[in-house]
Amino acid sequence: MSDGLEVRLWETARSRADRLGFGFEPGCEDLLRRSIAIGVDRMKRDGVDQKEEKIQEAASNTERVVERMAAEARKKGYMTLHEDTHAAAFKGLCPIWPFC
């Protein structure tokens, strides 16, 4: 990720996962990074990628996604976040702006 906003949202996700006691399996990290890239592209297309209130909303929603992933991981007894936790989070949260 070279885009500053993508980096910011990824760091938000990683930090929230750390606070919840989880890391990311490589495949899950790739999926979440792609989801973030899609969200940032949508923000740019909508012309809101420089608006702090929209950036904060995207960051908050990034945390919501990670929280849902962590809840799913706990239910399954996982110690890390996996691809299926990503899928379950988005299934339960979409449409969550700016990701879907």
C-alpha atoms as a PDB file:
ATOM      1  CA  MET A   1       0.000   0.000   0.000  1.00  0.00           C
ATOM      2  CA  SER A   2       1.557   3.222  -1.067  1.00  0.00           C
ATOM      3  CA  ASP A   3      -1.486   5.477  -0.612  1.00  0.00           C
ATOM      4  CA  GLY A   4      -1.363   7.389   2.679  1.00  0.00           C
ATOM      5  CA  LEU A   5      -5.038   6.803   3.386  1.00  0.00           C
ATOM      6  CA  GLU A   6      -4.669   3.069   2.758  1.00  0.00           C
ATOM      7  CA  VAL A   7      -1.755   3.011   5.191  1.00  0.00           C
ATOM      8  CA  ARG A   8      -3.764   4.941   7.771  1.00  0.00           C
ATOM      9  CA  LEU A   9      -6.742   2.580   7.530  1.00  0.00           C
ATOM     10  CA  TRP A  10      -4.498  -0.504   7.610  1.00  0.00           C
ATOM     11  CA  GLU A  11      -2.761   0.817  10.729  1.00  0.00           C
ATOM     12  CA  THR A  12      -6.203   1.400  12.258  1.00  0.00           C
ATOM     13  CA  ALA A  13      -7.127  -2.218  11.518  1.00  0.00           C
ATOM     14  CA  ARG A  14      -3.841  -3.629  12.799  1.00  0.00           C
ATOM     15  CA  SER A  15      -3.959  -1.547  15.947  1.00  0.00           C
ATOM     16  CA  ARG A  16      -7.540  -2.579  16.717  1.00  0.00           C
ATOM     17  CA  ALA A  17      -6.705  -6.244  16.146  1.00  0.00           C
ATOM     18  CA  ASP A  18      -3.689  -5.914  18.457  1.00  0.00           C
ATOM     19  CA  ARG A  19      -5.841  -4.349  21.194  1.00  0.00           C
ATOM     20  CA  LEU A  20      -8.293  -7.225  20.818  1.00  0.00           C
ATOM     21  CA  GLY A  21      -5.443  -9.741  21.100  1.00  0.00           C
ATOM     22  CA  PHE A  22      -5.383 -10.922  17.488  1.00  0.00           C
ATOM     23  CA  GLY A  23      -2.973 -10.949  14.595  1.00  0.00           C
ATOM     24  CA  PHE A  24      -3.715 -11.651  10.944  1.00  0.00           C
ATOM     25  CA  GLU A  25      -3.025 -14.808   8.990  1.00  0.00           C
ATOM     26  CA  PRO A  26      -1.332 -13.800   5.699  1.00  0.00           C
ATOM     27  CA  GLY A  27      -4.356 -14.610   3.529  1.00  0.00           C
ATOM     28  CA  CYS A  28      -6.640 -12.650   5.806  1.00  0.00           C
ATOM     29  CA  GLU A  29      -4.268  -9.694   5.821  1.00  0.00           C
ATOM     30  CA  ASP A  30      -4.257  -9.710   2.015  1.00  0.00           C
ATOM     31  CA  LEU A  31      -8.068  -9.764   1.904  1.00  0.00           C
ATOM     32  CA  LEU A  32      -8.405  -6.927   4.383  1.00  0.00           C
ATOM     33  CA  ARG A  33      -5.777  -4.837   2.602  1.00  0.00           C
ATOM     34  CA  ARG A  34      -7.714  -5.349  -0.656  1.00  0.00           C
ATOM     35  CA  SER A  35     -10.954  -4.353   1.068  1.00  0.00           C
ATOM     36  CA  ILE A  36      -9.261  -1.202   2.350  1.00  0.00           C
ATOM     37  CA  ALA A  37      -7.934  -0.419  -1.142  1.00  0.00           C
ATOM     38  CA  ILE A  38     -11.452  -0.795  -2.555  1.00  0.00           C
ATOM     39  CA  GLY A  39     -12.768   1.539   0.136  1.00  0.00           C
ATOM     40  CA  VAL A  40     -10.101   4.149  -0.543  1.00  0.00           C
ATOM     41  CA  ASP A  41     -10.791   3.945  -4.285  1.00  0.00           C
ATOM     42  CA  ARG A  42     -14.491   4.558  -3.554  1.00  0.00           C
ATOM     43  CA  MET A  43     -13.614   7.526  -1.349  1.00  0.00           C
ATOM     44  CA  LYS A  44     -11.438   9.007  -4.101  1.00  0.00           C
ATOM     45  CA  ARG A  45     -14.122   8.440  -6.719  1.00  0.00           C
ATOM     46  CA  ASP A  46     -16.635  10.197  -4.454  1.00  0.00           C
ATOM     47  CA  GLY A  47     -14.195  13.056  -3.847  1.00  0.00           C
ATOM     48  CA  VAL A  48     -14.158  12.598  -0.065  1.00  0.00           C
ATOM     49  CA  ASP A  49     -10.672  11.144   0.461  1.00  0.00           C
ATOM     50  CA  GLN A  50      -9.426  14.500   1.808  1.00  0.00           C
ATOM     51  CA  LYS A  51     -12.395  15.195   4.093  1.00  0.00           C
ATOM     52  CA  GLU A  52     -11.430  14.452   7.676  1.00  0.00           C
ATOM     53  CA  GLU A  53     -14.981  13.601   8.783  1.00  0.00           C
ATOM     54  CA  LYS A  54     -15.216  10.955   6.038  1.00  0.00           C
ATOM     55  CA  ILE A  55     -11.744   9.650   6.863  1.00  0.00           C
ATOM     56  CA  GLN A  56     -12.832   9.304  10.499  1.00  0.00           C
ATOM     57  CA  GLU A  57     -15.989   7.470   9.409  1.00  0.00           C
ATOM     58  CA  ALA A  58     -13.894   5.090   7.301  1.00  0.00           C
ATOM     59  CA  ALA A  59     -11.518   4.514  10.235  1.00  0.00           C
ATOM     60  CA  SER A  60     -14.420   3.839  12.587  1.00  0.00           C
ATOM     61  CA  ASN A  61     -15.917   1.390  10.130  1.00  0.00           C
ATOM     62  CA  THR A  62     -12.527  -0.284   9.708  1.00  0.00           C
ATOM     63  CA  GLU A  63     -12.524  -0.878  13.458  1.00  0.00           C
ATOM     64  CA  ARG A  64     -16.062  -2.277  13.258  1.00  0.00           C
ATOM     65  CA  VAL A  65     -14.933  -4.770  10.618  1.00  0.00           C
ATOM     66  CA  VAL A  66     -11.990  -5.918  12.745  1.00  0.00           C
ATOM     67  CA  GLU A  67     -14.202  -6.185  15.833  1.00  0.00           C
ATOM     68  CA  ARG A  68     -16.630  -8.398  13.906  1.00  0.00           C
ATOM     69  CA  MET A  69     -13.731 -10.495  12.609  1.00  0.00           C
ATOM     70  CA  ALA A  70     -12.444 -10.919  16.161  1.00  0.00           C
ATOM     71  CA  ALA A  71     -15.880 -11.937  17.425  1.00  0.00           C
ATOM     72  CA  GLU A  72     -16.065 -14.586  14.709  1.00  0.00           C
ATOM     73  CA  ALA A  73     -12.540 -15.793  15.532  1.00  0.00           C
ATOM     74  CA  ARG A  74     -13.468 -16.161  19.210  1.00  0.00           C
ATOM     75  CA  LYS A  75     -16.547 -18.219  18.302  1.00  0.00           C
ATOM     76  CA  LYS A  76     -14.342 -20.551  16.267  1.00  0.00           C
ATOM     77  CA  GLY A  77     -11.574 -20.749  18.861  1.00  0.00           C
ATOM     78  CA  TYR A  78      -8.997 -19.082  16.586  1.00  0.00           C
ATOM     79  CA  MET A  79      -5.960 -17.320  17.939  1.00  0.00           C
ATOM     80  CA  THR A  80      -5.558 -15.241  14.764  1.00  0.00           C
ATOM     81  CA  LEU A  81      -7.871 -13.709  12.178  1.00  0.00           C
ATOM     82  CA  HIS A  82      -8.465 -15.896   9.126  1.00  0.00           C
ATOM     83  CA  GLU A  83     -10.037 -15.535   5.689  1.00  0.00           C
ATOM     84  CA  ASP A  84     -13.343 -16.947   6.934  1.00  0.00           C
ATOM     85  CA  THR A  85     -13.511 -14.323   9.694  1.00  0.00           C
ATOM     86  CA  HIS A  86     -13.101 -11.645   7.007  1.00  0.00           C
ATOM     87  CA  ALA A  87     -15.921 -13.184   4.973  1.00  0.00           C
ATOM     88  CA  ALA A  88     -18.210 -13.450   8.015  1.00  0.00           C
ATOM     89  CA  ALA A  89     -17.534  -9.853   9.051  1.00  0.00           C
ATOM     90  CA  PHE A  90     -18.396  -8.465   5.644  1.00  0.00           C
ATOM     91  CA  LYS A  91     -21.405 -10.729   5.292  1.00  0.00           C
ATOM     92  CA  GLY A  92     -22.763  -9.331   8.541  1.00  0.00           C
ATOM     93  CA  LEU A  93     -21.806  -5.691   8.021  1.00  0.00           C
ATOM     94  CA  CYS A  94     -22.312  -4.946   4.320  1.00  0.00           C
ATOM     95  CA  PRO A  95     -23.207  -2.483   3.138  1.00  0.00           C
ATOM     96  CA  ILE A  96     -20.627  -0.775   5.360  1.00  0.00           C
ATOM     97  CA  TRP A  97     -19.156   2.382   3.851  1.00  0.00           C
ATOM     98  CA  PRO A  98     -16.717   2.694   2.148  1.00  0.00           C
ATOM     99  CA  PHE A  99     -15.973  -1.001   1.700  1.00  0.00           C
ATOM    100  CA  CYS A 100     -19.198  -2.307   0.174  1.00  0.00           C
END
